[in-house]
Amino acid sequence: MLRRPRLRARLGATMLAVGFFLVACGSDEGKGNAVVVISTSLGDIKVELFEEKAPMTVKNFLDYARAGYYDGTIFHRVIPNFMIQGGGFDAQMREKHEGERPPIKNESTNGLKNEAGTLAMARTSDPDSATAQFFINVRNNDFLNRDRAQDGVGYAVFGKVIEGMDVVKKIEQGKTGARGMHRDVPTTPVVIQSVQVVGG
């Protein structure tokens, strides 16, 4: 009669410990998601990619990153209190096409919002035209979300900055001007030196 309560107590303590362990493991932010570091001439930006929510978009971005496509491209369009855009031009403002892959389907139905610090795909007026160019929102841009977008489609979010928003802010606050037909171009090029997968 005395052993059973002690056994129950030991089992209860063991189950409680296992429960705490599972909760702790389950609460790891970004567990299983790919993490990349965008190394720029102004510092590093670490990004978590949401493969479960945006599988095609994340695969597309990682394919470009692993191929070295982004190396030497710049953040070519910077609008304060809106976003910073990169991945498609070199420091001489020549548009990059070599190594470009076919456009991907817009995954703006994934429920992810264009909030401050999120990454989304740039595109033309054709919803399914995104290739390599991406942007980082520097504020909550609700009008880019599917439910608020003028075209009823919006822009697909696929990741979020987890370290380096200070670098994003540096880029956002830099001086910009016109280069030929392009506006909002940083006067001092902000070069993407590499995009490296570091986790996930």
C-alpha atoms as a PDB file:
ATOM      1  CA  MET A   1       0.000   0.000   0.000  1.00  0.00           C
ATOM      2  CA  LEU A   2       2.883   2.360   0.683  1.00  0.00           C
ATOM      3  CA  ARG A   3       4.771   1.521  -2.496  1.00  0.00           C
ATOM      4  CA  ARG A   4       1.986   2.439  -4.897  1.00  0.00           C
ATOM      5  CA  PRO A   5       1.673   6.087  -3.814  1.00  0.00           C
ATOM      6  CA  ARG A   6       5.479   6.443  -3.993  1.00  0.00           C
ATOM      7  CA  LEU A   7       5.456   4.854  -7.459  1.00  0.00           C
ATOM      8  CA  ARG A   8       2.697   7.202  -8.550  1.00  0.00           C
ATOM      9  CA  ALA A   9       4.671  10.149  -7.190  1.00  0.00           C
ATOM     10  CA  ARG A  10       7.804   9.073  -9.053  1.00  0.00           C
ATOM     11  CA  LEU A  11       5.804   8.493 -12.249  1.00  0.00           C
ATOM     12  CA  GLY A  12       4.056  11.817 -11.786  1.00  0.00           C
ATOM     13  CA  ALA A  13       7.360  13.629 -11.337  1.00  0.00           C
ATOM     14  CA  THR A  14       8.815  11.884 -14.389  1.00  0.00           C
ATOM     15  CA  MET A  15       5.802  12.755 -16.562  1.00  0.00           C
ATOM     16  CA  LEU A  16       5.941  16.359 -15.341  1.00  0.00           C
ATOM     17  CA  ALA A  17       9.625  16.595 -16.256  1.00  0.00           C
ATOM     18  CA  VAL A  18       8.954  15.102 -19.693  1.00  0.00           C
ATOM     19  CA  GLY A  19       6.090  17.554 -20.171  1.00  0.00           C
ATOM     20  CA  PHE A  20       8.321  20.533 -19.325  1.00  0.00           C
ATOM     21  CA  PHE A  21      10.960  19.213 -21.735  1.00  0.00           C
ATOM     22  CA  LEU A  22       8.456  18.863 -24.586  1.00  0.00           C
ATOM     23  CA  VAL A  23       7.003  22.317 -23.948  1.00  0.00           C
ATOM     24  CA  ALA A  24      10.490  23.804 -23.882  1.00  0.00           C
ATOM     25  CA  CYS A  25      11.400  22.091 -27.150  1.00  0.00           C
ATOM     26  CA  GLY A  26       8.157  23.111 -28.793  1.00  0.00           C
ATOM     27  CA  SER A  27       8.649  26.750 -27.830  1.00  0.00           C
ATOM     28  CA  ASP A  28      11.939  27.151 -29.709  1.00  0.00           C
ATOM     29  CA  GLU A  29      11.296  30.028 -32.102  1.00  0.00           C
ATOM     30  CA  GLY A  30      11.957  29.108 -35.709  1.00  0.00           C
ATOM     31  CA  LYS A  31      12.543  25.438 -34.909  1.00  0.00           C
ATOM     32  CA  GLY A  32      13.137  23.658 -38.218  1.00  0.00           C
ATOM     33  CA  ASN A  33      12.992  26.797 -40.352  1.00  0.00           C
ATOM     34  CA  ALA A  34      15.907  27.755 -42.578  1.00  0.00           C
ATOM     35  CA  VAL A  35      17.911  30.736 -41.381  1.00  0.00           C
ATOM     36  CA  VAL A  36      20.053  32.844 -43.698  1.00  0.00           C
ATOM     37  CA  VAL A  37      22.474  35.700 -43.205  1.00  0.00           C
ATOM     38  CA  ILE A  38      22.351  38.502 -45.749  1.00  0.00           C
ATOM     39  CA  SER A  39      25.826  40.025 -45.494  1.00  0.00           C
ATOM     40  CA  THR A  40      25.859  43.622 -46.731  1.00  0.00           C
ATOM     41  CA  SER A  41      28.413  46.409 -46.909  1.00  0.00           C
ATOM     42  CA  LEU A  42      26.656  47.941 -43.866  1.00  0.00           C
ATOM     43  CA  GLY A  43      26.440  44.769 -41.771  1.00  0.00           C
ATOM     44  CA  ASP A  44      24.628  41.456 -41.462  1.00  0.00           C
ATOM     45  CA  ILE A  45      20.902  40.765 -41.488  1.00  0.00           C
ATOM     46  CA  LYS A  46      19.796  37.384 -40.140  1.00  0.00           C
ATOM     47  CA  VAL A  47      16.492  36.109 -41.502  1.00  0.00           C
ATOM     48  CA  GLU A  48      14.212  33.205 -40.632  1.00  0.00           C
ATOM     49  CA  LEU A  49      12.370  31.747 -43.638  1.00  0.00           C
ATOM     50  CA  PHE A  50       8.855  30.343 -43.281  1.00  0.00           C
ATOM     51  CA  GLU A  51       8.988  27.255 -45.479  1.00  0.00           C
ATOM     52  CA  GLU A  52       5.764  25.749 -44.168  1.00  0.00           C
ATOM     53  CA  LYS A  53       3.767  28.882 -45.030  1.00  0.00           C
ATOM     54  CA  ALA A  54       5.570  29.804 -48.270  1.00  0.00           C
ATOM     55  CA  PRO A  55       7.240  26.644 -49.612  1.00  0.00           C
ATOM     56  CA  MET A  56       7.676  27.714 -53.248  1.00  0.00           C
ATOM     57  CA  THR A  57       8.898  31.193 -52.336  1.00  0.00           C
ATOM     58  CA  VAL A  58      11.391  29.935 -49.755  1.00  0.00           C
ATOM     59  CA  LYS A  59      12.736  27.280 -52.137  1.00  0.00           C
ATOM     60  CA  ASN A  60      13.115  29.912 -54.853  1.00  0.00           C
ATOM     61  CA  PHE A  61      15.007  32.271 -52.516  1.00  0.00           C
ATOM     62  CA  LEU A  62      17.267  29.499 -51.227  1.00  0.00           C
ATOM     63  CA  ASP A  63      18.014  28.304 -54.764  1.00  0.00           C
ATOM     64  CA  TYR A  64      19.165  31.822 -55.681  1.00  0.00           C
ATOM     65  CA  ALA A  65      21.175  32.127 -52.465  1.00  0.00           C
ATOM     66  CA  ARG A  66      22.931  28.777 -52.882  1.00  0.00           C
ATOM     67  CA  ALA A  67      23.758  29.587 -56.499  1.00  0.00           C
ATOM     68  CA  GLY A  68      25.460  32.818 -55.395  1.00  0.00           C
ATOM     69  CA  TYR A  69      23.028  34.865 -57.477  1.00  0.00           C
ATOM     70  CA  TYR A  70      22.695  37.616 -54.867  1.00  0.00           C
ATOM     71  CA  ASP A  71      26.457  38.086 -54.426  1.00  0.00           C
ATOM     72  CA  GLY A  72      27.386  41.570 -55.649  1.00  0.00           C
ATOM     73  CA  THR A  73      23.810  42.778 -56.088  1.00  0.00           C
ATOM     74  CA  ILE A  74      22.610  45.838 -54.193  1.00  0.00           C
ATOM     75  CA  PHE A  75      19.658  47.303 -52.345  1.00  0.00           C
ATOM     76  CA  HIS A  76      18.672  49.442 -55.312  1.00  0.00           C
ATOM     77  CA  ARG A  77      15.380  50.939 -54.107  1.00  0.00           C
ATOM     78  CA  VAL A  78      15.101  52.437 -50.643  1.00  0.00           C
ATOM     79  CA  ILE A  79      12.040  54.389 -49.484  1.00  0.00           C
ATOM     80  CA  PRO A  80      12.051  55.589 -45.856  1.00  0.00           C
ATOM     81  CA  ASN A  81       9.105  54.498 -43.732  1.00  0.00           C
ATOM     82  CA  PHE A  82       8.196  51.915 -46.381  1.00  0.00           C
ATOM     83  CA  MET A  83      10.729  49.296 -47.477  1.00  0.00           C
ATOM     84  CA  ILE A  84      14.196  48.461 -48.843  1.00  0.00           C
ATOM     85  CA  GLN A  85      14.389  46.402 -52.041  1.00  0.00           C
ATOM     86  CA  GLY A  86      17.278  44.408 -53.466  1.00  0.00           C
ATOM     87  CA  GLY A  87      18.520  41.385 -55.332  1.00  0.00           C
ATOM     88  CA  GLY A  88      18.179  42.492 -58.938  1.00  0.00           C
ATOM     89  CA  PHE A  89      20.816  45.102 -59.822  1.00  0.00           C
ATOM     90  CA  ASP A  90      24.580  45.444 -59.492  1.00  0.00           C
ATOM     91  CA  ALA A  91      26.435  48.485 -58.139  1.00  0.00           C
ATOM     92  CA  GLN A  92      26.401  50.096 -61.599  1.00  0.00           C
ATOM     93  CA  MET A  93      22.587  49.769 -61.662  1.00  0.00           C
ATOM     94  CA  ARG A  94      22.704  47.126 -64.351  1.00  0.00           C
ATOM     95  CA  GLU A  95      19.781  44.762 -64.057  1.00  0.00           C
ATOM     96  CA  LYS A  96      20.886  41.192 -63.497  1.00  0.00           C
ATOM     97  CA  HIS A  97      19.409  38.456 -65.693  1.00  0.00           C
ATOM     98  CA  GLU A  98      22.149  35.835 -65.932  1.00  0.00           C
ATOM     99  CA  GLY A  99      21.099  32.940 -63.726  1.00  0.00           C
ATOM    100  CA  GLU A 100      17.559  34.223 -63.366  1.00  0.00           C
ATOM    101  CA  ARG A 101      14.967  31.506 -62.868  1.00  0.00           C
ATOM    102  CA  PRO A 102      11.365  31.311 -64.087  1.00  0.00           C
ATOM    103  CA  PRO A 103       8.795  33.392 -62.179  1.00  0.00           C
ATOM    104  CA  ILE A 104       7.026  31.761 -59.253  1.00  0.00           C
ATOM    105  CA  LYS A 105       3.410  31.589 -58.141  1.00  0.00           C
ATOM    106  CA  ASN A 106       2.370  34.278 -55.685  1.00  0.00           C
ATOM    107  CA  GLU A 107       1.839  32.772 -52.205  1.00  0.00           C
ATOM    108  CA  SER A 108       0.117  35.806 -50.684  1.00  0.00           C
ATOM    109  CA  THR A 109      -2.723  33.542 -49.452  1.00  0.00           C
ATOM    110  CA  ASN A 110      -0.437  32.103 -46.747  1.00  0.00           C
ATOM    111  CA  GLY A 111      -1.732  34.367 -43.968  1.00  0.00           C
ATOM    112  CA  LEU A 112       1.608  36.098 -43.360  1.00  0.00           C
ATOM    113  CA  LYS A 113       1.365  39.888 -43.176  1.00  0.00           C
ATOM    114  CA  ASN A 114       3.651  42.614 -44.515  1.00  0.00           C
ATOM    115  CA  GLU A 115       4.721  43.741 -41.053  1.00  0.00           C
ATOM    116  CA  ALA A 116       7.872  45.571 -39.992  1.00  0.00           C
ATOM    117  CA  GLY A 117      10.903  43.336 -40.476  1.00  0.00           C
ATOM    118  CA  THR A 118       9.258  40.847 -42.830  1.00  0.00           C
ATOM    119  CA  LEU A 119      10.650  39.832 -46.226  1.00  0.00           C
ATOM    120  CA  ALA A 120       8.373  39.685 -49.255  1.00  0.00           C
ATOM    121  CA  MET A 121       8.838  39.110 -52.966  1.00  0.00           C
ATOM    122  CA  ALA A 122       8.940  42.048 -55.366  1.00  0.00           C
ATOM    123  CA  ARG A 123       7.004  41.660 -58.600  1.00  0.00           C
ATOM    124  CA  THR A 124       5.484  43.507 -61.534  1.00  0.00           C
ATOM    125  CA  SER A 125       1.745  44.133 -61.974  1.00  0.00           C
ATOM    126  CA  ASP A 126       1.491  40.439 -62.861  1.00  0.00           C
ATOM    127  CA  PRO A 127       0.875  38.692 -59.506  1.00  0.00           C
ATOM    128  CA  ASP A 128       2.894  35.629 -60.556  1.00  0.00           C
ATOM    129  CA  SER A 129       5.967  37.462 -61.896  1.00  0.00           C
ATOM    130  CA  ALA A 130       8.369  37.350 -58.914  1.00  0.00           C
ATOM    131  CA  THR A 131      11.863  36.031 -59.649  1.00  0.00           C
ATOM    132  CA  ALA A 132      14.837  37.073 -57.482  1.00  0.00           C
ATOM    133  CA  GLN A 133      14.060  40.548 -56.163  1.00  0.00           C
ATOM    134  CA  PHE A 134      12.792  40.862 -52.601  1.00  0.00           C
ATOM    135  CA  PHE A 135      12.109  43.632 -50.115  1.00  0.00           C
ATOM    136  CA  ILE A 136      12.178  44.128 -46.366  1.00  0.00           C
ATOM    137  CA  ASN A 137       9.296  46.046 -44.838  1.00  0.00           C
ATOM    138  CA  VAL A 138      10.471  48.738 -42.427  1.00  0.00           C
ATOM    139  CA  ARG A 139       6.974  49.299 -41.046  1.00  0.00           C
ATOM    140  CA  ASN A 140       3.599  47.565 -41.099  1.00  0.00           C
ATOM    141  CA  ASN A 141       2.462  47.922 -44.719  1.00  0.00           C
ATOM    142  CA  ASP A 142      -1.096  46.625 -44.485  1.00  0.00           C
ATOM    143  CA  PHE A 143      -1.964  47.832 -47.988  1.00  0.00           C
ATOM    144  CA  LEU A 144       0.425  45.199 -49.394  1.00  0.00           C
ATOM    145  CA  ASN A 145      -1.549  42.362 -47.808  1.00  0.00           C
ATOM    146  CA  ARG A 146      -3.983  40.368 -49.916  1.00  0.00           C
ATOM    147  CA  ASP A 147      -7.063  41.545 -48.019  1.00  0.00           C
ATOM    148  CA  ARG A 148      -6.150  45.230 -48.451  1.00  0.00           C
ATOM    149  CA  ALA A 149      -4.316  45.251 -51.785  1.00  0.00           C
ATOM    150  CA  GLN A 150      -5.818  47.217 -54.681  1.00  0.00           C
ATOM    151  CA  ASP A 151      -5.304  44.303 -57.048  1.00  0.00           C
ATOM    152  CA  GLY A 152      -6.820  41.822 -54.603  1.00  0.00           C
ATOM    153  CA  VAL A 153      -3.604  39.776 -54.579  1.00  0.00           C
ATOM    154  CA  GLY A 154      -0.885  41.580 -52.646  1.00  0.00           C
ATOM    155  CA  TYR A 155       2.708  40.591 -51.950  1.00  0.00           C
ATOM    156  CA  ALA A 156       3.877  37.259 -50.579  1.00  0.00           C
ATOM    157  CA  VAL A 157       5.719  37.360 -47.245  1.00  0.00           C
ATOM    158  CA  PHE A 158       8.164  34.488 -46.741  1.00  0.00           C
ATOM    159  CA  GLY A 159      10.522  35.446 -43.923  1.00  0.00           C
ATOM    160  CA  LYS A 160      11.346  37.787 -41.069  1.00  0.00           C
ATOM    161  CA  VAL A 161      14.457  39.525 -39.764  1.00  0.00           C
ATOM    162  CA  ILE A 162      15.479  37.994 -36.428  1.00  0.00           C
ATOM    163  CA  GLU A 163      18.749  39.925 -36.051  1.00  0.00           C
ATOM    164  CA  GLY A 164      20.065  43.031 -37.759  1.00  0.00           C
ATOM    165  CA  MET A 165      17.110  45.419 -37.907  1.00  0.00           C
ATOM    166  CA  ASP A 166      19.661  48.102 -37.005  1.00  0.00           C
ATOM    167  CA  VAL A 167      21.351  47.345 -40.343  1.00  0.00           C
ATOM    168  CA  VAL A 168      17.988  47.524 -42.122  1.00  0.00           C
ATOM    169  CA  LYS A 169      17.446  50.937 -40.494  1.00  0.00           C
ATOM    170  CA  LYS A 170      20.895  52.121 -41.603  1.00  0.00           C
ATOM    171  CA  ILE A 171      20.029  51.201 -45.166  1.00  0.00           C
ATOM    172  CA  GLU A 172      16.623  52.861 -44.879  1.00  0.00           C
ATOM    173  CA  GLN A 173      18.091  56.108 -43.553  1.00  0.00           C
ATOM    174  CA  GLY A 174      20.863  56.455 -46.145  1.00  0.00           C
ATOM    175  CA  LYS A 175      20.820  59.217 -48.736  1.00  0.00           C
ATOM    176  CA  THR A 176      19.122  58.356 -52.040  1.00  0.00           C
ATOM    177  CA  GLY A 177      18.730  59.947 -55.446  1.00  0.00           C
ATOM    178  CA  ALA A 178      18.002  59.249 -59.098  1.00  0.00           C
ATOM    179  CA  ARG A 179      20.169  57.047 -61.334  1.00  0.00           C
ATOM    180  CA  GLY A 180      18.969  57.308 -64.915  1.00  0.00           C
ATOM    181  CA  MET A 181      15.353  56.197 -64.983  1.00  0.00           C
ATOM    182  CA  HIS A 182      15.545  54.812 -61.431  1.00  0.00           C
ATOM    183  CA  ARG A 183      14.554  56.751 -58.341  1.00  0.00           C
ATOM    184  CA  ASP A 184      15.214  56.141 -54.632  1.00  0.00           C
ATOM    185  CA  VAL A 185      18.649  54.640 -55.342  1.00  0.00           C
ATOM    186  CA  PRO A 186      21.198  54.857 -52.483  1.00  0.00           C
ATOM    187  CA  THR A 187      23.920  57.329 -53.479  1.00  0.00           C
ATOM    188  CA  THR A 188      26.475  55.035 -51.846  1.00  0.00           C
ATOM    189  CA  PRO A 189      25.745  51.486 -53.041  1.00  0.00           C
ATOM    190  CA  VAL A 190      24.645  49.068 -50.340  1.00  0.00           C
ATOM    191  CA  VAL A 191      26.126  45.828 -51.635  1.00  0.00           C
ATOM    192  CA  ILE A 192      24.798  42.357 -50.822  1.00  0.00           C
ATOM    193  CA  GLN A 193      28.081  40.493 -50.429  1.00  0.00           C
ATOM    194  CA  SER A 194      26.459  37.086 -49.914  1.00  0.00           C
ATOM    195  CA  VAL A 195      23.384  35.249 -48.699  1.00  0.00           C
ATOM    196  CA  GLN A 196      24.434  32.210 -46.686  1.00  0.00           C
ATOM    197  CA  VAL A 197      22.287  29.487 -45.146  1.00  0.00           C
ATOM    198  CA  VAL A 198      23.349  29.152 -41.500  1.00  0.00           C
ATOM    199  CA  GLY A 199      20.619  27.023 -39.966  1.00  0.00           C
ATOM    200  CA  GLY A 200      17.502  24.933 -40.471  1.00  0.00           C
END
